[in-house]
Amino acid sequence: MRLYDHPASGNCLKCRVVLRQLGIPFETVLVDLFRGHARAEEHRVRNPDGRVPVLELDDGAFVPESGAILLHVAEGTALLPAGRLARTRVLQWMFFEQNQIEAQLASARFMALTGRAEQQPEVFAAKVEASRRAMASLERGLADGRPFVAGDDYTVADVALHAYVHCGADAGVDPAEHAHIRAWLRRVEATRGFVNDLTPIPAHAMVAH
């Protein structure tokens, strides 16, 4: 398998974590999204939306979108329960991650780290406020004592949420301020084979002042 990837993307991190934890061999192919390479026609063949990650399967089929990749590779494993309601709980938190964490917190973090927050302060402030509400929602979801977001077992939902929650402080939304999230992050990072190899956003992504 090939993962079309950028090491500074949290969405790509999700895929690397799960592939490694499941022991699935893969190679990474760098697509520099910060230089616009993901929008090149060559890459749009892999993903019409022109983004990463994209997983190329051994038969040559392409699977774009981090959530779809996680669900595809985790099928039939302990990271994706077979029971109908248990699987629904996983999907619930994955949808929450895409709608509230990725769309708000990841975006606010990118703005903060690349100088865009100063250019669009009102937009940034709104994203930060939405991120704080999302972090509070996650804290409430973990407040019943469950070890992982979907219940007793570690799943792809935990991987999906960890990617941007763990670095929320970069946007001024520190997960360490929430006791249940803080403990949950430790449990996720202690799972067998978990490697967080997220790299800093490169200098060429910064806006000129």
N, C-alpha and C. Protein backbone atom coordinates (compact mmCIF):
# COMPACT_ATOMS: atom_id res chain seq x y z
N MET A 1 0.84 -1.19 0.00
CA MET A 1 0.00 0.00 0.00
C MET A 1 0.88 1.24 0.00
N ARG A 2 0.34 2.32 -0.58
CA ARG A 2 1.02 3.62 -0.54
C ARG A 2 0.10 4.62 0.14
N LEU A 3 0.69 5.42 1.02
CA LEU A 3 -0.04 6.51 1.66
C LEU A 3 0.51 7.83 1.13
N TYR A 4 -0.32 8.54 0.39
CA TYR A 4 0.04 9.88 -0.08
C TYR A 4 -0.20 10.82 1.10
N ASP A 5 0.85 11.51 1.53
CA ASP A 5 0.95 11.92 2.92
C ASP A 5 1.74 13.21 3.04
N HIS A 6 1.49 13.94 4.12
CA HIS A 6 2.42 15.00 4.55
C HIS A 6 2.63 14.82 6.05
N PRO A 7 3.89 14.83 6.52
CA PRO A 7 4.15 14.52 7.93
C PRO A 7 3.64 15.56 8.92
N ALA A 8 3.29 16.78 8.45
CA ALA A 8 2.76 17.81 9.35
C ALA A 8 1.24 17.83 9.41
N SER A 9 0.60 16.94 8.67
CA SER A 9 -0.87 16.88 8.65
C SER A 9 -1.38 15.93 9.72
N GLY A 10 -2.24 16.42 10.58
CA GLY A 10 -2.86 15.56 11.58
C GLY A 10 -3.74 14.50 10.95
N ASN A 11 -4.38 14.82 9.84
CA ASN A 11 -5.21 13.83 9.16
C ASN A 11 -4.36 12.68 8.63
N CYS A 12 -3.17 12.98 8.16
CA CYS A 12 -2.25 11.93 7.71
C CYS A 12 -1.72 11.14 8.90
N LEU A 13 -1.47 11.82 10.01
CA LEU A 13 -1.00 11.14 11.23
C LEU A 13 -1.96 10.02 11.62
N LYS A 14 -3.26 10.28 11.56
CA LYS A 14 -4.26 9.26 11.92
C LYS A 14 -4.00 7.97 11.16
N CYS A 15 -3.76 8.11 9.87
CA CYS A 15 -3.59 6.93 9.02
C CYS A 15 -2.29 6.21 9.34
N ARG A 16 -1.22 6.95 9.56
CA ARG A 16 0.05 6.31 9.90
C ARG A 16 -0.07 5.54 11.21
N VAL A 17 -0.74 6.13 12.19
CA VAL A 17 -0.91 5.46 13.48
C VAL A 17 -1.60 4.12 13.31
N VAL A 18 -2.73 4.12 12.62
CA VAL A 18 -3.52 2.90 12.50
C VAL A 18 -2.82 1.85 11.64
N LEU A 19 -2.24 2.26 10.54
CA LEU A 19 -1.53 1.29 9.70
C LEU A 19 -0.41 0.60 10.48
N ARG A 20 0.32 1.39 11.26
CA ARG A 20 1.42 0.81 12.04
C ARG A 20 0.88 -0.08 13.16
N GLN A 21 -0.16 0.36 13.84
CA GLN A 21 -0.69 -0.45 14.94
C GLN A 21 -1.27 -1.76 14.44
N LEU A 22 -1.79 -1.76 13.22
CA LEU A 22 -2.34 -2.99 12.66
C LEU A 22 -1.28 -3.83 11.95
N GLY A 23 -0.05 -3.32 11.89
CA GLY A 23 1.02 -4.07 11.25
C GLY A 23 0.87 -4.20 9.75
N ILE A 24 0.25 -3.22 9.12
CA ILE A 24 0.04 -3.24 7.67
C ILE A 24 1.22 -2.55 6.99
N PRO A 25 1.96 -3.23 6.15
CA PRO A 25 3.10 -2.58 5.47
C PRO A 25 2.61 -1.50 4.51
N PHE A 26 3.30 -0.37 4.50
CA PHE A 26 2.94 0.70 3.57
C PHE A 26 4.17 1.58 3.34
N GLU A 27 4.15 2.27 2.24
CA GLU A 27 5.17 3.28 1.97
C GLU A 27 4.49 4.63 1.90
N THR A 28 5.21 5.66 2.27
CA THR A 28 4.65 7.00 2.20
C THR A 28 5.19 7.72 0.97
N VAL A 29 4.32 8.50 0.35
CA VAL A 29 4.68 9.34 -0.79
C VAL A 29 4.36 10.78 -0.40
N LEU A 30 5.38 11.61 -0.32
CA LEU A 30 5.18 12.99 0.12
C LEU A 30 4.40 13.78 -0.93
N VAL A 31 3.34 14.42 -0.48
CA VAL A 31 2.60 15.38 -1.31
C VAL A 31 2.62 16.69 -0.52
N ASP A 32 3.34 17.68 -1.01
CA ASP A 32 3.51 18.92 -0.26
C ASP A 32 2.28 19.81 -0.43
N LEU A 33 1.32 19.60 0.47
CA LEU A 33 0.09 20.38 0.38
C LEU A 33 0.33 21.86 0.62
N PHE A 34 1.43 22.21 1.29
CA PHE A 34 1.71 23.62 1.56
C PHE A 34 2.31 24.34 0.35
N ARG A 35 2.69 23.57 -0.66
CA ARG A 35 3.13 24.15 -1.93
C ARG A 35 2.10 23.94 -3.04
N GLY A 36 0.93 23.47 -2.67
CA GLY A 36 -0.14 23.29 -3.64
C GLY A 36 -0.06 22.01 -4.45
N HIS A 37 0.83 21.09 -4.08
CA HIS A 37 1.00 19.88 -4.87
C HIS A 37 -0.24 18.97 -4.80
N ALA A 38 -1.00 19.07 -3.71
CA ALA A 38 -2.19 18.23 -3.60
C ALA A 38 -3.27 18.64 -4.61
N ARG A 39 -3.17 19.87 -5.11
CA ARG A 39 -4.17 20.35 -6.08
C ARG A 39 -3.74 20.12 -7.53
N ALA A 40 -2.57 19.53 -7.71
CA ALA A 40 -2.10 19.23 -9.06
C ALA A 40 -2.99 18.15 -9.69
N GLU A 41 -3.12 18.20 -11.00
CA GLU A 41 -3.99 17.24 -11.69
C GLU A 41 -3.57 15.80 -11.42
N GLU A 42 -2.27 15.58 -11.29
CA GLU A 42 -1.78 14.23 -11.00
C GLU A 42 -2.39 13.69 -9.71
N HIS A 43 -2.48 14.56 -8.70
CA HIS A 43 -3.03 14.11 -7.43
C HIS A 43 -4.56 14.08 -7.44
N ARG A 44 -5.18 14.95 -8.22
CA ARG A 44 -6.65 14.95 -8.30
C ARG A 44 -7.19 13.65 -8.90
N VAL A 45 -6.36 12.93 -9.61
CA VAL A 45 -6.76 11.60 -10.07
C VAL A 45 -6.94 10.67 -8.87
N ARG A 46 -6.11 10.86 -7.86
CA ARG A 46 -6.20 10.05 -6.65
C ARG A 46 -7.34 10.53 -5.75
N ASN A 47 -7.51 11.84 -5.67
CA ASN A 47 -8.56 12.43 -4.84
C ASN A 47 -9.12 13.64 -5.57
N PRO A 48 -10.34 13.58 -6.08
CA PRO A 48 -10.90 14.70 -6.83
C PRO A 48 -10.93 15.99 -6.03
N ASP A 49 -10.91 15.88 -4.69
CA ASP A 49 -10.94 17.07 -3.84
C ASP A 49 -9.56 17.67 -3.64
N GLY A 50 -8.51 17.02 -4.11
CA GLY A 50 -7.17 17.58 -4.06
C GLY A 50 -6.63 17.77 -2.67
N ARG A 51 -6.70 16.73 -1.84
CA ARG A 51 -6.16 16.81 -0.48
C ARG A 51 -5.46 15.50 -0.14
N VAL A 52 -4.78 15.52 1.00
CA VAL A 52 -4.21 14.29 1.57
C VAL A 52 -4.85 14.10 2.95
N PRO A 53 -4.86 12.84 3.42
CA PRO A 53 -4.23 11.65 2.90
C PRO A 53 -5.07 10.94 1.82
N VAL A 54 -4.37 10.14 1.03
CA VAL A 54 -5.00 9.19 0.12
C VAL A 54 -4.25 7.88 0.26
N LEU A 55 -4.98 6.79 0.42
CA LEU A 55 -4.36 5.47 0.50
C LEU A 55 -4.55 4.76 -0.84
N GLU A 56 -3.45 4.33 -1.42
CA GLU A 56 -3.52 3.51 -2.63
C GLU A 56 -3.42 2.04 -2.22
N LEU A 57 -4.45 1.29 -2.53
CA LEU A 57 -4.49 -0.12 -2.16
C LEU A 57 -3.62 -0.94 -3.10
N ASP A 58 -3.38 -2.17 -2.72
CA ASP A 58 -2.50 -3.02 -3.51
C ASP A 58 -3.04 -3.29 -4.91
N ASP A 59 -4.36 -3.18 -5.09
CA ASP A 59 -4.94 -3.39 -6.42
C ASP A 59 -5.01 -2.12 -7.24
N GLY A 60 -4.46 -1.01 -6.69
CA GLY A 60 -4.42 0.25 -7.42
C GLY A 60 -5.58 1.18 -7.15
N ALA A 61 -6.57 0.75 -6.36
CA ALA A 61 -7.70 1.62 -6.01
C ALA A 61 -7.24 2.67 -5.01
N PHE A 62 -7.85 3.85 -5.10
CA PHE A 62 -7.52 4.95 -4.20
C PHE A 62 -8.63 5.16 -3.19
N VAL A 63 -8.25 5.38 -1.93
CA VAL A 63 -9.20 5.71 -0.86
C VAL A 63 -8.79 7.05 -0.26
N PRO A 64 -9.49 8.15 -0.62
CA PRO A 64 -9.23 9.44 0.01
C PRO A 64 -9.97 9.56 1.35
N GLU A 65 -9.63 10.61 2.09
CA GLU A 65 -10.28 10.99 3.35
C GLU A 65 -9.80 10.11 4.50
N SER A 66 -9.30 10.76 5.54
CA SER A 66 -8.72 10.03 6.66
C SER A 66 -9.72 9.09 7.32
N GLY A 67 -10.95 9.56 7.53
CA GLY A 67 -11.94 8.71 8.18
C GLY A 67 -12.25 7.47 7.37
N ALA A 68 -12.37 7.62 6.06
CA ALA A 68 -12.65 6.47 5.21
C ALA A 68 -11.48 5.50 5.23
N ILE A 69 -10.26 6.03 5.25
CA ILE A 69 -9.08 5.17 5.30
C ILE A 69 -9.06 4.37 6.61
N LEU A 70 -9.32 5.05 7.73
CA LEU A 70 -9.32 4.36 9.02
C LEU A 70 -10.35 3.23 9.03
N LEU A 71 -11.55 3.52 8.56
CA LEU A 71 -12.60 2.51 8.56
C LEU A 71 -12.27 1.35 7.63
N HIS A 72 -11.66 1.66 6.50
CA HIS A 72 -11.33 0.61 5.54
C HIS A 72 -10.29 -0.35 6.10
N VAL A 73 -9.20 0.19 6.63
CA VAL A 73 -8.11 -0.70 7.07
C VAL A 73 -8.44 -1.39 8.39
N ALA A 74 -9.34 -0.79 9.18
CA ALA A 74 -9.66 -1.38 10.48
C ALA A 74 -10.77 -2.43 10.41
N GLU A 75 -11.41 -2.56 9.25
CA GLU A 75 -12.48 -3.55 9.10
C GLU A 75 -11.98 -4.93 9.48
N GLY A 76 -12.74 -5.59 10.36
CA GLY A 76 -12.38 -6.94 10.79
C GLY A 76 -11.33 -7.00 11.88
N THR A 77 -10.97 -5.85 12.44
CA THR A 77 -9.98 -5.81 13.52
C THR A 77 -10.62 -5.29 14.80
N ALA A 78 -9.87 -5.33 15.89
CA ALA A 78 -10.37 -4.85 17.17
C ALA A 78 -10.58 -3.34 17.19
N LEU A 79 -10.00 -2.63 16.23
CA LEU A 79 -10.14 -1.17 16.20
C LEU A 79 -11.48 -0.71 15.64
N LEU A 80 -12.27 -1.65 15.14
CA LEU A 80 -13.59 -1.31 14.61
C LEU A 80 -14.56 -2.42 15.00
N PRO A 81 -15.38 -2.20 16.02
CA PRO A 81 -16.26 -3.27 16.51
C PRO A 81 -17.28 -3.71 15.47
N ALA A 82 -17.64 -4.98 15.56
CA ALA A 82 -18.60 -5.54 14.61
C ALA A 82 -20.04 -5.28 15.01
N GLY A 83 -20.29 -5.15 16.31
CA GLY A 83 -21.65 -4.93 16.78
C GLY A 83 -22.24 -3.63 16.26
N ARG A 84 -23.52 -3.66 15.93
CA ARG A 84 -24.15 -2.51 15.27
C ARG A 84 -24.08 -1.25 16.12
N LEU A 85 -24.49 -1.32 17.38
CA LEU A 85 -24.49 -0.12 18.23
C LEU A 85 -23.07 0.31 18.56
N ALA A 86 -22.20 -0.66 18.83
CA ALA A 86 -20.81 -0.33 19.15
C ALA A 86 -20.15 0.39 17.98
N ARG A 87 -20.44 -0.06 16.75
CA ARG A 87 -19.88 0.60 15.58
C ARG A 87 -20.49 1.98 15.40
N THR A 88 -21.76 2.10 15.70
CA THR A 88 -22.42 3.41 15.60
C THR A 88 -21.77 4.41 16.55
N ARG A 89 -21.39 3.98 17.74
CA ARG A 89 -20.70 4.87 18.68
C ARG A 89 -19.36 5.34 18.12
N VAL A 90 -18.65 4.46 17.45
CA VAL A 90 -17.39 4.84 16.82
C VAL A 90 -17.65 5.90 15.75
N LEU A 91 -18.64 5.65 14.90
CA LEU A 91 -18.96 6.60 13.83
C LEU A 91 -19.43 7.93 14.41
N GLN A 92 -20.19 7.89 15.49
CA GLN A 92 -20.66 9.12 16.15
C GLN A 92 -19.50 10.05 16.46
N TRP A 93 -18.44 9.48 17.08
CA TRP A 93 -17.31 10.31 17.48
C TRP A 93 -16.43 10.69 16.30
N MET A 94 -16.41 9.86 15.28
CA MET A 94 -15.65 10.23 14.08
C MET A 94 -16.33 11.38 13.33
N PHE A 95 -17.66 11.36 13.29
CA PHE A 95 -18.38 12.48 12.67
C PHE A 95 -18.18 13.75 13.49
N PHE A 96 -18.22 13.62 14.80
CA PHE A 96 -17.97 14.77 15.68
C PHE A 96 -16.57 15.33 15.41
N GLU A 97 -15.61 14.45 15.27
CA GLU A 97 -14.24 14.91 15.02
C GLU A 97 -14.15 15.72 13.74
N GLN A 98 -14.77 15.26 12.69
CA GLN A 98 -14.69 15.97 11.43
C GLN A 98 -15.47 17.28 11.45
N ASN A 99 -16.62 17.29 12.12
CA ASN A 99 -17.46 18.49 12.14
C ASN A 99 -17.01 19.54 13.14
N GLN A 100 -16.43 19.12 14.25
CA GLN A 100 -16.12 20.06 15.33
C GLN A 100 -14.63 20.22 15.60
N ILE A 101 -13.88 19.14 15.58
CA ILE A 101 -12.45 19.23 15.90
C ILE A 101 -11.65 19.59 14.65
N GLU A 102 -11.76 18.81 13.61
CA GLU A 102 -10.98 19.07 12.40
C GLU A 102 -11.38 20.40 11.77
N ALA A 103 -12.67 20.66 11.71
CA ALA A 103 -13.14 21.88 11.03
C ALA A 103 -12.86 23.14 11.82
N GLN A 104 -12.75 23.03 13.12
CA GLN A 104 -12.57 24.21 13.97
C GLN A 104 -11.18 24.27 14.59
N LEU A 105 -10.84 23.25 15.39
CA LEU A 105 -9.57 23.28 16.12
C LEU A 105 -8.38 23.16 15.18
N ALA A 106 -8.43 22.23 14.24
CA ALA A 106 -7.32 22.08 13.30
C ALA A 106 -7.13 23.34 12.48
N SER A 107 -8.24 23.94 12.08
CA SER A 107 -8.18 25.18 11.29
C SER A 107 -7.60 26.33 12.12
N ALA A 108 -8.05 26.45 13.37
CA ALA A 108 -7.53 27.51 14.24
C ALA A 108 -6.04 27.31 14.50
N ARG A 109 -5.63 26.07 14.69
CA ARG A 109 -4.21 25.78 14.91
C ARG A 109 -3.39 26.19 13.70
N PHE A 110 -3.86 25.86 12.51
CA PHE A 110 -3.14 26.23 11.30
C PHE A 110 -3.01 27.75 11.19
N MET A 111 -4.11 28.46 11.49
CA MET A 111 -4.07 29.91 11.43
C MET A 111 -3.07 30.47 12.43
N ALA A 112 -3.06 29.91 13.64
CA ALA A 112 -2.18 30.41 14.69
C ALA A 112 -0.71 30.18 14.36
N LEU A 113 -0.41 29.04 13.77
CA LEU A 113 0.99 28.67 13.53
C LEU A 113 1.56 29.24 12.24
N THR A 114 0.71 29.78 11.38
CA THR A 114 1.20 30.28 10.09
C THR A 114 1.02 31.78 9.92
N GLY A 115 0.60 32.47 10.97
CA GLY A 115 0.44 33.92 10.89
C GLY A 115 -0.88 34.38 10.32
N ARG A 116 -1.77 33.46 10.00
CA ARG A 116 -3.05 33.84 9.43
C ARG A 116 -4.03 34.36 10.48
N ALA A 117 -3.79 34.03 11.74
CA ALA A 117 -4.67 34.52 12.81
C ALA A 117 -4.63 36.03 12.89
N GLU A 118 -3.44 36.60 12.69
CA GLU A 118 -3.31 38.06 12.75
C GLU A 118 -3.99 38.73 11.56
N GLN A 119 -4.05 38.04 10.45
CA GLN A 119 -4.67 38.59 9.26
C GLN A 119 -6.19 38.56 9.32
N GLN A 120 -6.72 37.56 10.00
CA GLN A 120 -8.18 37.38 10.11
C GLN A 120 -8.57 37.15 11.57
N PRO A 121 -8.39 38.15 12.42
CA PRO A 121 -8.60 37.94 13.85
C PRO A 121 -10.02 37.53 14.23
N GLU A 122 -11.02 38.06 13.54
CA GLU A 122 -12.39 37.70 13.88
C GLU A 122 -12.70 36.25 13.52
N VAL A 123 -12.21 35.82 12.37
CA VAL A 123 -12.39 34.43 11.97
C VAL A 123 -11.68 33.50 12.95
N PHE A 124 -10.45 33.87 13.30
CA PHE A 124 -9.69 33.05 14.24
C PHE A 124 -10.38 32.97 15.59
N ALA A 125 -10.86 34.10 16.09
CA ALA A 125 -11.52 34.11 17.40
C ALA A 125 -12.76 33.22 17.40
N ALA A 126 -13.50 33.24 16.31
CA ALA A 126 -14.70 32.40 16.22
C ALA A 126 -14.33 30.92 16.22
N LYS A 127 -13.25 30.57 15.52
CA LYS A 127 -12.83 29.18 15.48
C LYS A 127 -12.31 28.72 16.84
N VAL A 128 -11.62 29.59 17.54
CA VAL A 128 -11.13 29.24 18.87
C VAL A 128 -12.30 29.01 19.82
N GLU A 129 -13.30 29.88 19.77
CA GLU A 129 -14.47 29.72 20.64
C GLU A 129 -15.20 28.42 20.33
N ALA A 130 -15.36 28.11 19.05
CA ALA A 130 -15.99 26.86 18.66
C ALA A 130 -15.16 25.67 19.11
N SER A 131 -13.85 25.80 19.06
CA SER A 131 -12.95 24.73 19.50
C SER A 131 -13.08 24.49 21.00
N ARG A 132 -13.23 25.55 21.75
CA ARG A 132 -13.39 25.39 23.20
C ARG A 132 -14.71 24.67 23.53
N ARG A 133 -15.75 24.99 22.77
CA ARG A 133 -17.02 24.29 22.98
C ARG A 133 -16.88 22.81 22.63
N ALA A 134 -16.16 22.52 21.55
CA ALA A 134 -15.96 21.14 21.15
C ALA A 134 -15.15 20.37 22.19
N MET A 135 -14.11 21.02 22.74
CA MET A 135 -13.29 20.38 23.76
C MET A 135 -14.14 20.09 25.00
N ALA A 136 -15.02 21.01 25.35
CA ALA A 136 -15.92 20.80 26.50
C ALA A 136 -16.86 19.63 26.22
N SER A 137 -17.31 19.50 24.99
CA SER A 137 -18.19 18.38 24.64
C SER A 137 -17.46 17.05 24.78
N LEU A 138 -16.22 17.01 24.32
CA LEU A 138 -15.43 15.79 24.46
C LEU A 138 -15.21 15.46 25.93
N GLU A 139 -14.92 16.47 26.74
CA GLU A 139 -14.75 16.25 28.18
C GLU A 139 -16.00 15.65 28.79
N ARG A 140 -17.17 16.17 28.41
CA ARG A 140 -18.43 15.60 28.92
C ARG A 140 -18.60 14.17 28.45
N GLY A 141 -18.20 13.89 27.21
CA GLY A 141 -18.35 12.53 26.70
C GLY A 141 -17.49 11.52 27.42
N LEU A 142 -16.39 11.98 28.01
CA LEU A 142 -15.49 11.08 28.74
C LEU A 142 -15.75 11.08 30.24
N ALA A 143 -16.68 11.90 30.68
CA ALA A 143 -16.88 12.10 32.12
C ALA A 143 -17.55 10.93 32.82
N ASP A 144 -18.09 9.97 32.07
CA ASP A 144 -18.77 8.84 32.71
C ASP A 144 -17.80 7.73 33.10
N GLY A 145 -16.51 7.99 32.94
CA GLY A 145 -15.51 7.02 33.38
C GLY A 145 -15.07 6.04 32.32
N ARG A 146 -15.61 6.14 31.12
CA ARG A 146 -15.19 5.22 30.06
C ARG A 146 -13.71 5.48 29.73
N PRO A 147 -12.95 4.44 29.45
CA PRO A 147 -11.53 4.66 29.15
C PRO A 147 -11.29 5.25 27.77
N PHE A 148 -12.17 4.95 26.82
CA PHE A 148 -12.01 5.46 25.47
C PHE A 148 -13.34 6.06 24.99
N VAL A 149 -13.30 6.81 23.91
CA VAL A 149 -14.47 7.63 23.57
C VAL A 149 -15.71 6.80 23.25
N ALA A 150 -15.53 5.62 22.65
CA ALA A 150 -16.69 4.82 22.26
C ALA A 150 -17.04 3.75 23.28
N GLY A 151 -16.30 3.71 24.39
CA GLY A 151 -16.60 2.71 25.42
C GLY A 151 -15.34 2.17 26.06
N ASP A 152 -15.34 0.87 26.31
CA ASP A 152 -14.23 0.24 27.02
C ASP A 152 -13.01 0.00 26.12
N ASP A 153 -13.23 -0.04 24.83
CA ASP A 153 -12.17 -0.46 23.93
C ASP A 153 -11.64 0.70 23.09
N TYR A 154 -10.36 0.65 22.83
CA TYR A 154 -9.67 1.60 21.95
C TYR A 154 -10.07 1.33 20.51
N THR A 155 -10.47 2.38 19.79
CA THR A 155 -10.93 2.22 18.41
C THR A 155 -10.36 3.32 17.52
N VAL A 156 -10.71 3.25 16.24
CA VAL A 156 -10.28 4.28 15.31
C VAL A 156 -10.85 5.66 15.67
N ALA A 157 -11.93 5.70 16.44
CA ALA A 157 -12.46 7.00 16.87
C ALA A 157 -11.46 7.72 17.78
N ASP A 158 -10.78 6.98 18.62
CA ASP A 158 -9.76 7.58 19.49
C ASP A 158 -8.60 8.12 18.67
N VAL A 159 -8.20 7.37 17.65
CA VAL A 159 -7.11 7.81 16.79
C VAL A 159 -7.50 9.10 16.07
N ALA A 160 -8.72 9.12 15.54
CA ALA A 160 -9.18 10.28 14.81
C ALA A 160 -9.20 11.53 15.68
N LEU A 161 -9.69 11.39 16.89
CA LEU A 161 -9.79 12.55 17.79
C LEU A 161 -8.43 12.99 18.32
N HIS A 162 -7.58 12.04 18.62
CA HIS A 162 -6.27 12.38 19.19
C HIS A 162 -5.49 13.33 18.29
N ALA A 163 -5.58 13.15 16.99
CA ALA A 163 -4.68 13.82 16.05
C ALA A 163 -4.61 15.32 16.25
N TYR A 164 -5.76 15.97 16.44
CA TYR A 164 -5.75 17.42 16.63
C TYR A 164 -6.05 17.85 18.06
N VAL A 165 -6.71 16.99 18.84
CA VAL A 165 -6.96 17.35 20.24
C VAL A 165 -5.65 17.48 21.00
N HIS A 166 -4.71 16.57 20.75
CA HIS A 166 -3.49 16.54 21.57
C HIS A 166 -2.64 17.79 21.39
N CYS A 167 -2.79 18.48 20.26
CA CYS A 167 -1.98 19.68 20.01
C CYS A 167 -2.84 20.95 20.01
N GLY A 168 -3.98 20.88 20.66
CA GLY A 168 -4.88 22.03 20.70
C GLY A 168 -4.29 23.27 21.34
N ALA A 169 -3.31 23.08 22.22
CA ALA A 169 -2.68 24.23 22.87
C ALA A 169 -2.03 25.17 21.86
N ASP A 170 -1.68 24.64 20.70
CA ASP A 170 -1.09 25.50 19.66
C ASP A 170 -2.06 26.59 19.22
N ALA A 171 -3.35 26.34 19.40
CA ALA A 171 -4.38 27.32 19.06
C ALA A 171 -4.94 28.02 20.29
N GLY A 172 -4.33 27.76 21.45
CA GLY A 172 -4.83 28.36 22.68
C GLY A 172 -5.97 27.58 23.31
N VAL A 173 -6.16 26.34 22.88
CA VAL A 173 -7.23 25.48 23.43
C VAL A 173 -6.54 24.24 23.99
N ASP A 174 -6.08 24.34 25.21
CA ASP A 174 -5.20 23.34 25.80
C ASP A 174 -6.01 22.16 26.35
N PRO A 175 -5.82 20.95 25.81
CA PRO A 175 -6.56 19.81 26.34
C PRO A 175 -6.18 19.47 27.77
N ALA A 176 -5.01 19.90 28.21
CA ALA A 176 -4.56 19.60 29.57
C ALA A 176 -5.42 20.28 30.63
N GLU A 177 -6.23 21.26 30.22
CA GLU A 177 -7.13 21.93 31.15
C GLU A 177 -8.33 21.06 31.51
N HIS A 178 -8.51 19.94 30.81
CA HIS A 178 -9.65 19.05 31.04
C HIS A 178 -9.14 17.72 31.57
N ALA A 179 -9.52 17.38 32.79
CA ALA A 179 -8.96 16.20 33.46
C ALA A 179 -9.25 14.91 32.71
N HIS A 180 -10.47 14.74 32.23
CA HIS A 180 -10.83 13.49 31.56
C HIS A 180 -10.11 13.38 30.21
N ILE A 181 -10.01 14.48 29.48
CA ILE A 181 -9.28 14.45 28.21
C ILE A 181 -7.82 14.19 28.45
N ARG A 182 -7.26 14.81 29.46
CA ARG A 182 -5.84 14.63 29.78
C ARG A 182 -5.54 13.14 30.04
N ALA A 183 -6.39 12.49 30.83
CA ALA A 183 -6.19 11.08 31.13
C ALA A 183 -6.42 10.21 29.89
N TRP A 184 -7.41 10.57 29.09
CA TRP A 184 -7.69 9.82 27.86
C TRP A 184 -6.52 9.90 26.88
N LEU A 185 -5.92 11.07 26.74
CA LEU A 185 -4.77 11.20 25.85
C LEU A 185 -3.63 10.28 26.29
N ARG A 186 -3.41 10.20 27.58
CA ARG A 186 -2.36 9.31 28.09
C ARG A 186 -2.67 7.86 27.73
N ARG A 187 -3.94 7.46 27.86
CA ARG A 187 -4.31 6.08 27.54
C ARG A 187 -4.13 5.79 26.05
N VAL A 188 -4.55 6.73 25.22
CA VAL A 188 -4.39 6.54 23.78
C VAL A 188 -2.92 6.38 23.42
N GLU A 189 -2.09 7.26 23.94
CA GLU A 189 -0.67 7.25 23.59
C GLU A 189 0.08 6.06 24.18
N ALA A 190 -0.56 5.37 25.15
CA ALA A 190 0.05 4.19 25.74
C ALA A 190 -0.36 2.90 25.05
N THR A 191 -1.23 2.99 24.04
CA THR A 191 -1.64 1.77 23.35
C THR A 191 -0.47 1.20 22.56
N ARG A 192 -0.52 -0.09 22.37
CA ARG A 192 0.60 -0.81 21.75
C ARG A 192 0.87 -0.30 20.33
N GLY A 193 2.12 0.07 20.09
CA GLY A 193 2.53 0.48 18.76
C GLY A 193 2.18 1.91 18.39
N PHE A 194 1.65 2.67 19.34
CA PHE A 194 1.27 4.06 19.03
C PHE A 194 2.53 4.91 18.86
N VAL A 195 2.61 5.61 17.73
CA VAL A 195 3.73 6.52 17.48
C VAL A 195 3.16 7.84 16.98
N ASN A 196 3.47 8.90 17.69
CA ASN A 196 3.07 10.24 17.25
C ASN A 196 4.27 10.88 16.55
N ASP A 197 4.25 10.85 15.22
CA ASP A 197 5.37 11.41 14.46
C ASP A 197 4.95 12.66 13.69
N LEU A 198 3.98 13.40 14.24
CA LEU A 198 3.55 14.65 13.62
C LEU A 198 4.71 15.64 13.65
N THR A 199 5.00 16.26 12.52
CA THR A 199 6.10 17.21 12.44
C THR A 199 5.56 18.64 12.43
N PRO A 200 6.40 19.63 12.73
CA PRO A 200 5.94 21.02 12.69
C PRO A 200 5.53 21.44 11.28
N ILE A 201 4.64 22.42 11.21
CA ILE A 201 4.27 22.99 9.92
C ILE A 201 5.50 23.67 9.34
N PRO A 202 5.83 23.42 8.07
CA PRO A 202 7.07 23.95 7.51
C PRO A 202 7.05 25.46 7.34
N ALA A 203 8.23 26.03 7.31
CA ALA A 203 8.36 27.49 7.22
C ALA A 203 7.72 28.06 5.97
N HIS A 204 7.73 27.29 4.88
CA HIS A 204 7.17 27.85 3.64
C HIS A 204 5.65 27.94 3.66
N ALA A 205 5.02 27.43 4.74
CA ALA A 205 3.57 27.60 4.89
C ALA A 205 3.20 28.92 5.56
N MET A 206 4.20 29.62 6.10
CA MET A 206 3.94 30.86 6.81
C MET A 206 3.57 31.98 5.83
N VAL A 207 2.69 32.86 6.27
CA VAL A 207 2.33 34.00 5.43
C VAL A 207 3.33 35.12 5.64
N ALA A 208 3.54 35.88 4.60
CA ALA A 208 4.47 37.01 4.69
C ALA A 208 3.79 38.19 5.37
N HIS A 209 4.55 38.89 6.21
CA HIS A 209 4.01 40.08 6.90
C HIS A 209 4.56 41.34 6.27
